[in-house]
PDB file of all heavy atoms in Angstrom:
ATOM      1  N   GLY A   1      71.714 140.511 111.662  1.00  0.00           N
ATOM      2  CA  GLY A   1      72.455 141.406 110.779  1.00  0.00           C
ATOM      3  C   GLY A   1      72.416 141.007 109.323  1.00  0.00           C
ATOM      4  O   GLY A   1      73.383 141.255 108.587  1.00  0.00           O
ATOM      5  N   GLY A   2      71.316 140.423 108.877  1.00  0.00           N
ATOM      6  CA  GLY A   2      71.167 140.030 107.482  1.00  0.00           C
ATOM      7  C   GLY A   2      71.614 138.623 107.174  1.00  0.00           C
ATOM      8  O   GLY A   2      71.575 138.195 106.010  1.00  0.00           O
ATOM      9  N   ALA A   3      72.020 137.863 108.180  1.00  0.00           N
ATOM     10  CA  ALA A   3      72.469 136.489 107.952  1.00  0.00           C
ATOM     11  C   ALA A   3      71.323 135.582 107.506  1.00  0.00           C
ATOM     12  O   ALA A   3      71.543 134.590 106.803  1.00  0.00           O
ATOM     13  CB  ALA A   3      73.121 135.925 109.210  1.00  0.00           C
ATOM     14  N   HIS A   4      70.111 135.898 107.923  1.00  0.00           N
ATOM     15  CA  HIS A   4      68.932 135.132 107.503  1.00  0.00           C
ATOM     16  C   HIS A   4      67.719 136.062 107.553  1.00  0.00           C
ATOM     17  O   HIS A   4      67.773 137.148 108.164  1.00  0.00           O
ATOM     18  CB  HIS A   4      68.732 133.908 108.397  1.00  0.00           C
ATOM     19  CG  HIS A   4      68.579 134.222 109.852  1.00  0.00           C
ATOM     20  ND1 HIS A   4      67.429 134.746 110.389  1.00  0.00           N
ATOM     21  CD2 HIS A   4      69.446 134.098 110.890  1.00  0.00           C
ATOM     22  CE1 HIS A   4      67.583 134.918 111.689  1.00  0.00           C
ATOM     23  NE2 HIS A   4      68.801 134.548 112.015  1.00  0.00           N
ATOM     24  N   PRO A   5      66.604 135.676 106.942  1.00  0.00           N
ATOM     25  CA  PRO A   5      65.414 136.519 106.979  1.00  0.00           C
ATOM     26  C   PRO A   5      64.906 136.680 108.411  1.00  0.00           C
ATOM     27  O   PRO A   5      65.109 135.801 109.259  1.00  0.00           O
ATOM     28  CB  PRO A   5      64.402 135.762 106.116  1.00  0.00           C
ATOM     29  CG  PRO A   5      65.229 134.863 105.263  1.00  0.00           C
ATOM     30  CD  PRO A   5      66.421 134.492 106.086  1.00  0.00           C
ATOM     31  N   PRO A   6      64.243 137.780 108.707  1.00  0.00           N
ATOM     32  CA  PRO A   6      63.653 137.947 110.039  1.00  0.00           C
ATOM     33  C   PRO A   6      62.671 136.824 110.365  1.00  0.00           C
ATOM     34  O   PRO A   6      62.034 136.250 109.475  1.00  0.00           O
ATOM     35  CB  PRO A   6      62.942 139.302 109.940  1.00  0.00           C
ATOM     36  CG  PRO A   6      63.645 140.026 108.846  1.00  0.00           C
ATOM     37  CD  PRO A   6      64.046 138.966 107.855  1.00  0.00           C
ATOM     38  N   ILE A   7      62.581 136.516 111.637  1.00  0.00           N
ATOM     39  CA  ILE A   7      61.661 135.483 112.130  1.00  0.00           C
ATOM     40  C   ILE A   7      60.439 136.194 112.695  1.00  0.00           C
ATOM     41  O   ILE A   7      60.551 137.003 113.622  1.00  0.00           O
ATOM     42  CB  ILE A   7      62.355 134.612 113.192  1.00  0.00           C
ATOM     43  CG1 ILE A   7      63.556 133.893 112.559  1.00  0.00           C
ATOM     44  CG2 ILE A   7      61.377 133.604 113.790  1.00  0.00           C
ATOM     45  CD1 ILE A   7      64.461 133.215 113.573  1.00  0.00           C
ATOM     46  N   ARG A   8      59.270 135.887 112.149  1.00  0.00           N
ATOM     47  CA  ARG A   8      58.068 136.662 112.458  1.00  0.00           C
ATOM     48  C   ARG A   8      57.111 135.997 113.443  1.00  0.00           C
ATOM     49  O   ARG A   8      56.185 136.644 113.916  1.00  0.00           O
ATOM     50  CB  ARG A   8      57.289 136.942 111.160  1.00  0.00           C
ATOM     51  CG  ARG A   8      58.105 137.584 110.038  1.00  0.00           C
ATOM     52  CD  ARG A   8      58.540 138.977 110.395  1.00  0.00           C
ATOM     53  NE  ARG A   8      59.123 139.679 109.230  1.00  0.00           N
ATOM     54  CZ  ARG A   8      59.730 140.849 109.303  1.00  0.00           C
ATOM     55  NH1 ARG A   8      59.833 141.463 110.473  1.00  0.00           N
ATOM     56  NH2 ARG A   8      60.220 141.405 108.211  1.00  0.00           N
ATOM     57  N   ASN A   9      57.318 134.740 113.746  1.00  0.00           N
ATOM     58  CA  ASN A   9      56.324 133.987 114.516  1.00  0.00           C
ATOM     59  C   ASN A   9      56.686 133.857 115.993  1.00  0.00           C
ATOM     60  O   ASN A   9      56.451 132.820 116.627  1.00  0.00           O
ATOM     61  CB  ASN A   9      56.110 132.600 113.908  1.00  0.00           C
ATOM     62  CG  ASN A   9      57.401 131.797 113.766  1.00  0.00           C
ATOM     63  OD1 ASN A   9      58.464 132.351 113.536  1.00  0.00           O
ATOM     64  ND2 ASN A   9      57.301 130.480 113.917  1.00  0.00           N
ATOM     65  N   VAL A  10      57.264 134.925 116.566  1.00  0.00           N
ATOM     66  CA  VAL A  10      57.650 134.936 117.977  1.00  0.00           C
ATOM     67  C   VAL A  10      57.110 136.200 118.635  1.00  0.00           C
ATOM     68  O   VAL A  10      57.149 137.287 118.056  1.00  0.00           O
ATOM     69  CB  VAL A  10      59.190 134.893 118.137  1.00  0.00           C
ATOM     70  CG1 VAL A  10      59.573 135.000 119.613  1.00  0.00           C
ATOM     71  CG2 VAL A  10      59.770 133.618 117.541  1.00  0.00           C
ATOM     72  N   ARG A  11      56.635 136.039 119.863  1.00  0.00           N
ATOM     73  CA  ARG A  11      56.230 137.162 120.697  1.00  0.00           C
ATOM     74  C   ARG A  11      57.016 137.064 122.009  1.00  0.00           C
ATOM     75  O   ARG A  11      57.250 135.966 122.525  1.00  0.00           O
ATOM     76  CB  ARG A  11      54.732 137.155 120.973  1.00  0.00           C
ATOM     77  CG  ARG A  11      53.879 137.265 119.709  1.00  0.00           C
ATOM     78  CD  ARG A  11      54.050 138.601 119.026  1.00  0.00           C
ATOM     79  NE  ARG A  11      53.245 138.717 117.810  1.00  0.00           N
ATOM     80  CZ  ARG A  11      53.690 138.452 116.591  1.00  0.00           C
ATOM     81  NH1 ARG A  11      54.943 138.051 116.415  1.00  0.00           N
ATOM     82  NH2 ARG A  11      52.905 138.583 115.543  1.00  0.00           N
ATOM     83  N   ILE A  12      57.402 138.210 122.554  1.00  0.00           N
ATOM     84  CA  ILE A  12      58.304 138.243 123.705  1.00  0.00           C
ATOM     85  C   ILE A  12      57.668 138.998 124.863  1.00  0.00           C
ATOM     86  O   ILE A  12      57.031 140.037 124.679  1.00  0.00           O
ATOM     87  CB  ILE A  12      59.643 138.896 123.322  1.00  0.00           C
ATOM     88  CG1 ILE A  12      60.469 137.927 122.463  1.00  0.00           C
ATOM     89  CG2 ILE A  12      60.451 139.296 124.555  1.00  0.00           C
ATOM     90  CD1 ILE A  12      61.810 138.473 122.037  1.00  0.00           C
ATOM     91  N   HIS A  13      57.900 138.443 126.059  1.00  0.00           N
ATOM     92  CA  HIS A  13      57.550 139.138 127.295  1.00  0.00           C
ATOM     93  C   HIS A  13      58.833 139.393 128.064  1.00  0.00           C
ATOM     94  O   HIS A  13      59.526 138.450 128.454  1.00  0.00           O
ATOM     95  CB  HIS A  13      56.591 138.303 128.144  1.00  0.00           C
ATOM     96  CG  HIS A  13      56.286 138.908 129.477  1.00  0.00           C
ATOM     97  ND1 HIS A  13      55.604 140.098 129.620  1.00  0.00           N
ATOM     98  CD2 HIS A  13      56.592 138.489 130.740  1.00  0.00           C
ATOM     99  CE1 HIS A  13      55.491 140.392 130.901  1.00  0.00           C
ATOM    100  NE2 HIS A  13      56.085 139.444 131.600  1.00  0.00           N
ATOM    101  N   HIS A  14      59.156 140.667 128.276  1.00  0.00           N
ATOM    102  CA  HIS A  14      60.321 141.024 129.084  1.00  0.00           C
ATOM    103  C   HIS A  14      59.852 141.117 130.530  1.00  0.00           C
ATOM    104  O   HIS A  14      59.354 142.154 130.976  1.00  0.00           O
ATOM    105  CB  HIS A  14      60.904 142.363 128.597  1.00  0.00           C
ATOM    106  CG  HIS A  14      62.015 142.865 129.459  1.00  0.00           C
ATOM    107  ND1 HIS A  14      62.255 144.201 129.666  1.00  0.00           N
ATOM    108  CD2 HIS A  14      62.950 142.199 130.191  1.00  0.00           C
ATOM    109  CE1 HIS A  14      63.289 144.343 130.482  1.00  0.00           C
ATOM    110  NE2 HIS A  14      63.724 143.136 130.817  1.00  0.00           N
ATOM    111  N   GLY A  15      59.972 140.013 131.239  1.00  0.00           N
ATOM    112  CA  GLY A  15      59.511 139.978 132.624  1.00  0.00           C
ATOM    113  C   GLY A  15      59.265 138.559 133.082  1.00  0.00           C
ATOM    114  O   GLY A  15      59.847 137.602 132.555  1.00  0.00           O
ATOM    115  N   ASP A  16      58.408 138.410 134.062  1.00  0.00           N
ATOM    116  CA  ASP A  16      58.131 137.146 134.722  1.00  0.00           C
ATOM    117  C   ASP A  16      57.282 136.245 133.825  1.00  0.00           C
ATOM    118  O   ASP A  16      56.175 136.616 133.422  1.00  0.00           O
ATOM    119  CB  ASP A  16      57.408 137.428 136.044  1.00  0.00           C
ATOM    120  CG  ASP A  16      57.199 136.186 136.889  1.00  0.00           C
ATOM    121  OD1 ASP A  16      57.504 135.071 136.424  1.00  0.00           O
ATOM    122  OD2 ASP A  16      56.707 136.333 138.026  1.00  0.00           O
ATOM    123  N   ALA A  17      57.785 135.052 133.538  1.00  0.00           N
ATOM    124  CA  ALA A  17      57.058 134.115 132.685  1.00  0.00           C
ATOM    125  C   ALA A  17      55.714 133.729 133.268  1.00  0.00           C
ATOM    126  O   ALA A  17      54.737 133.523 132.531  1.00  0.00           O
ATOM    127  CB  ALA A  17      57.908 132.868 132.456  1.00  0.00           C
ATOM    128  N   LEU A  18      55.640 133.606 134.585  1.00  0.00           N
ATOM    129  CA  LEU A  18      54.392 133.149 135.205  1.00  0.00           C
ATOM    130  C   LEU A  18      53.266 134.150 135.010  1.00  0.00           C
ATOM    131  O   LEU A  18      52.094 133.763 134.966  1.00  0.00           O
ATOM    132  CB  LEU A  18      54.609 132.879 136.694  1.00  0.00           C
ATOM    133  CG  LEU A  18      55.569 131.728 137.027  1.00  0.00           C
ATOM    134  CD1 LEU A  18      55.720 131.588 138.534  1.00  0.00           C
ATOM    135  CD2 LEU A  18      55.096 130.419 136.411  1.00  0.00           C
ATOM    136  N   GLU A  19      53.594 135.430 134.878  1.00  0.00           N
ATOM    137  CA  GLU A  19      52.558 136.429 134.626  1.00  0.00           C
ATOM    138  C   GLU A  19      51.827 136.130 133.320  1.00  0.00           C
ATOM    139  O   GLU A  19      50.599 136.276 133.232  1.00  0.00           O
ATOM    140  CB  GLU A  19      53.173 137.831 134.559  1.00  0.00           C
ATOM    141  CG  GLU A  19      53.771 138.328 135.864  1.00  0.00           C
ATOM    142  CD  GLU A  19      54.418 139.694 135.701  1.00  0.00           C
ATOM    143  OE1 GLU A  19      54.391 140.248 134.573  1.00  0.00           O
ATOM    144  OE2 GLU A  19      54.966 140.212 136.700  1.00  0.00           O
ATOM    145  N   VAL A  20      52.578 135.740 132.305  1.00  0.00           N
ATOM    146  CA  VAL A  20      51.982 135.430 131.008  1.00  0.00           C
ATOM    147  C   VAL A  20      51.360 134.042 131.021  1.00  0.00           C
ATOM    148  O   VAL A  20      50.257 133.832 130.498  1.00  0.00           O
ATOM    149  CB  VAL A  20      53.041 135.540 129.901  1.00  0.00           C
ATOM    150  CG1 VAL A  20      52.479 135.086 128.560  1.00  0.00           C
ATOM    151  CG2 VAL A  20      53.538 136.978 129.793  1.00  0.00           C
ATOM    152  N   LEU A  21      52.051 133.082 131.617  1.00  0.00           N
ATOM    153  CA  LEU A  21      51.561 131.704 131.599  1.00  0.00           C
ATOM    154  C   LEU A  21      50.179 131.601 132.237  1.00  0.00           C
ATOM    155  O   LEU A  21      49.313 130.854 131.758  1.00  0.00           O
ATOM    156  CB  LEU A  21      52.565 130.803 132.337  1.00  0.00           C
ATOM    157  CG  LEU A  21      52.387 129.297 132.165  1.00  0.00           C
ATOM    158  CD1 LEU A  21      52.469 128.899 130.696  1.00  0.00           C
ATOM    159  CD2 LEU A  21      53.429 128.545 132.974  1.00  0.00           C
ATOM    160  N   ARG A  22      49.952 132.357 133.288  1.00  0.00           N
ATOM    161  CA  ARG A  22      48.640 132.317 133.943  1.00  0.00           C
ATOM    162  C   ARG A  22      47.523 132.819 133.021  1.00  0.00           C
ATOM    163  O   ARG A  22      46.366 132.444 133.193  1.00  0.00           O
ATOM    164  CB  ARG A  22      48.668 133.153 135.224  1.00  0.00           C
ATOM    165  CG  ARG A  22      49.507 132.569 136.350  1.00  0.00           C
ATOM    166  CD  ARG A  22      49.316 133.378 137.629  1.00  0.00           C
ATOM    167  NE  ARG A  22      50.046 132.817 138.756  1.00  0.00           N
ATOM    168  CZ  ARG A  22      51.219 133.276 139.205  1.00  0.00           C
ATOM    169  NH1 ARG A  22      51.798 134.321 138.602  1.00  0.00           N
ATOM    170  NH2 ARG A  22      51.826 132.704 140.229  1.00  0.00           N
ATOM    171  N   ARG A  23      47.854 133.661 132.061  1.00  0.00           N
ATOM    172  CA  ARG A  23      46.854 134.244 131.171  1.00  0.00           C
ATOM    173  C   ARG A  23      46.598 133.402 129.922  1.00  0.00           C
ATOM    174  O   ARG A  23      45.737 133.732 129.112  1.00  0.00           O
ATOM    175  CB  ARG A  23      47.285 135.654 130.771  1.00  0.00           C
ATOM    176  CG  ARG A  23      47.257 136.638 131.933  1.00  0.00           C
ATOM    177  CD  ARG A  23      48.087 137.881 131.651  1.00  0.00           C
ATOM    178  NE  ARG A  23      47.762 138.466 130.358  1.00  0.00           N
ATOM    179  CZ  ARG A  23      48.596 139.186 129.616  1.00  0.00           C
ATOM    180  NH1 ARG A  23      49.837 139.401 130.040  1.00  0.00           N
ATOM    181  NH2 ARG A  23      48.204 139.685 128.469  1.00  0.00           N
ATOM    182  N   ILE A  24      47.364 132.340 129.753  1.00  0.00           N
ATOM    183  CA  ILE A  24      47.136 131.422 128.638  1.00  0.00           C
ATOM    184  C   ILE A  24      45.994 130.480 129.023  1.00  0.00           C
ATOM    185  O   ILE A  24      46.031 129.869 130.095  1.00  0.00           O
ATOM    186  CB  ILE A  24      48.406 130.630 128.322  1.00  0.00           C
ATOM    187  CG1 ILE A  24      49.519 131.575 127.834  1.00  0.00           C
ATOM    188  CG2 ILE A  24      48.136 129.554 127.285  1.00  0.00           C
ATOM    189  CD1 ILE A  24      50.849 130.892 127.608  1.00  0.00           C
ATOM    190  N   PRO A  25      44.970 130.351 128.206  1.00  0.00           N
ATOM    191  CA  PRO A  25      43.876 129.431 128.543  1.00  0.00           C
ATOM    192  C   PRO A  25      44.384 128.004 128.742  1.00  0.00           C
ATOM    193  O   PRO A  25      45.316 127.564 128.065  1.00  0.00           O
ATOM    194  CB  PRO A  25      42.943 129.533 127.331  1.00  0.00           C
ATOM    195  CG  PRO A  25      43.228 130.883 126.746  1.00  0.00           C
ATOM    196  CD  PRO A  25      44.700 131.100 126.959  1.00  0.00           C
ATOM    197  N   ASP A  26      43.773 127.306 129.679  1.00  0.00           N
ATOM    198  CA  ASP A  26      44.168 125.926 129.944  1.00  0.00           C
ATOM    199  C   ASP A  26      44.065 125.083 128.671  1.00  0.00           C
ATOM    200  O   ASP A  26      43.147 125.260 127.852  1.00  0.00           O
ATOM    201  CB  ASP A  26      43.287 125.318 131.032  1.00  0.00           C
ATOM    202  CG  ASP A  26      43.584 125.885 132.410  1.00  0.00           C
ATOM    203  OD1 ASP A  26      44.531 126.686 132.530  1.00  0.00           O
ATOM    204  OD2 ASP A  26      42.856 125.536 133.364  1.00  0.00           O
ATOM    205  N   GLY A  27      45.005 124.172 128.525  1.00  0.00           N
ATOM    206  CA  GLY A  27      44.977 123.247 127.395  1.00  0.00           C
ATOM    207  C   GLY A  27      45.350 123.870 126.068  1.00  0.00           C
ATOM    208  O   GLY A  27      45.019 123.309 125.019  1.00  0.00           O
ATOM    209  N   SER A  28      46.081 124.988 126.078  1.00  0.00           N
ATOM    210  CA  SER A  28      46.371 125.710 124.838  1.00  0.00           C
ATOM    211  C   SER A  28      47.755 125.433 124.261  1.00  0.00           C
ATOM    212  O   SER A  28      47.979 125.638 123.065  1.00  0.00           O
ATOM    213  CB  SER A  28      46.239 127.218 125.063  1.00  0.00           C
ATOM    214  OG  SER A  28      44.912 127.575 125.364  1.00  0.00           O
ATOM    215  N   LEU A  29      48.705 125.032 125.080  1.00  0.00           N
ATOM    216  CA  LEU A  29      50.084 124.912 124.625  1.00  0.00           C
ATOM    217  C   LEU A  29      50.381 123.538 124.034  1.00  0.00           C
ATOM    218  O   LEU A  29      49.993 122.504 124.581  1.00  0.00           O
ATOM    219  CB  LEU A  29      51.061 125.167 125.777  1.00  0.00           C
ATOM    220  CG  LEU A  29      51.081 126.578 126.367  1.00  0.00           C
ATOM    221  CD1 LEU A  29      52.061 126.643 127.533  1.00  0.00           C
ATOM    222  CD2 LEU A  29      51.450 127.608 125.301  1.00  0.00           C
ATOM    223  N   SER A  30      51.123 123.549 122.928  1.00  0.00           N
ATOM    224  CA  SER A  30      51.609 122.303 122.345  1.00  0.00           C
ATOM    225  C   SER A  30      52.968 121.921 122.911  1.00  0.00           C
ATOM    226  O   SER A  30      53.276 120.739 123.059  1.00  0.00           O
ATOM    227  CB  SER A  30      51.717 122.438 120.816  1.00  0.00           C
ATOM    228  OG  SER A  30      50.442 122.589 120.237  1.00  0.00           O
ATOM    229  N   PHE A  31      53.798 122.927 123.212  1.00  0.00           N
ATOM    230  CA  PHE A  31      55.114 122.696 123.797  1.00  0.00           C
ATOM    231  C   PHE A  31      55.381 123.744 124.865  1.00  0.00           C
ATOM    232  O   PHE A  31      54.994 124.915 124.718  1.00  0.00           O
ATOM    233  CB  PHE A  31      56.230 122.803 122.740  1.00  0.00           C
ATOM    234  CG  PHE A  31      56.363 121.619 121.836  1.00  0.00           C
ATOM    235  CD1 PHE A  31      55.566 121.506 120.707  1.00  0.00           C
ATOM    236  CD2 PHE A  31      57.290 120.618 122.094  1.00  0.00           C
ATOM    237  CE1 PHE A  31      55.691 120.421 119.856  1.00  0.00           C
ATOM    238  CE2 PHE A  31      57.421 119.529 121.249  1.00  0.00           C
ATOM    239  CZ  PHE A  31      56.622 119.425 120.127  1.00  0.00           C
TER     240      PHE A  31
END
């Protein structure tokens, strides 16, 4: 509600995390 600037570096999946995690290439995540 204007308390801080919008955060632009996030993408969201509304659903099962494993569906997305399986599509991430191996060795790609830092955290």
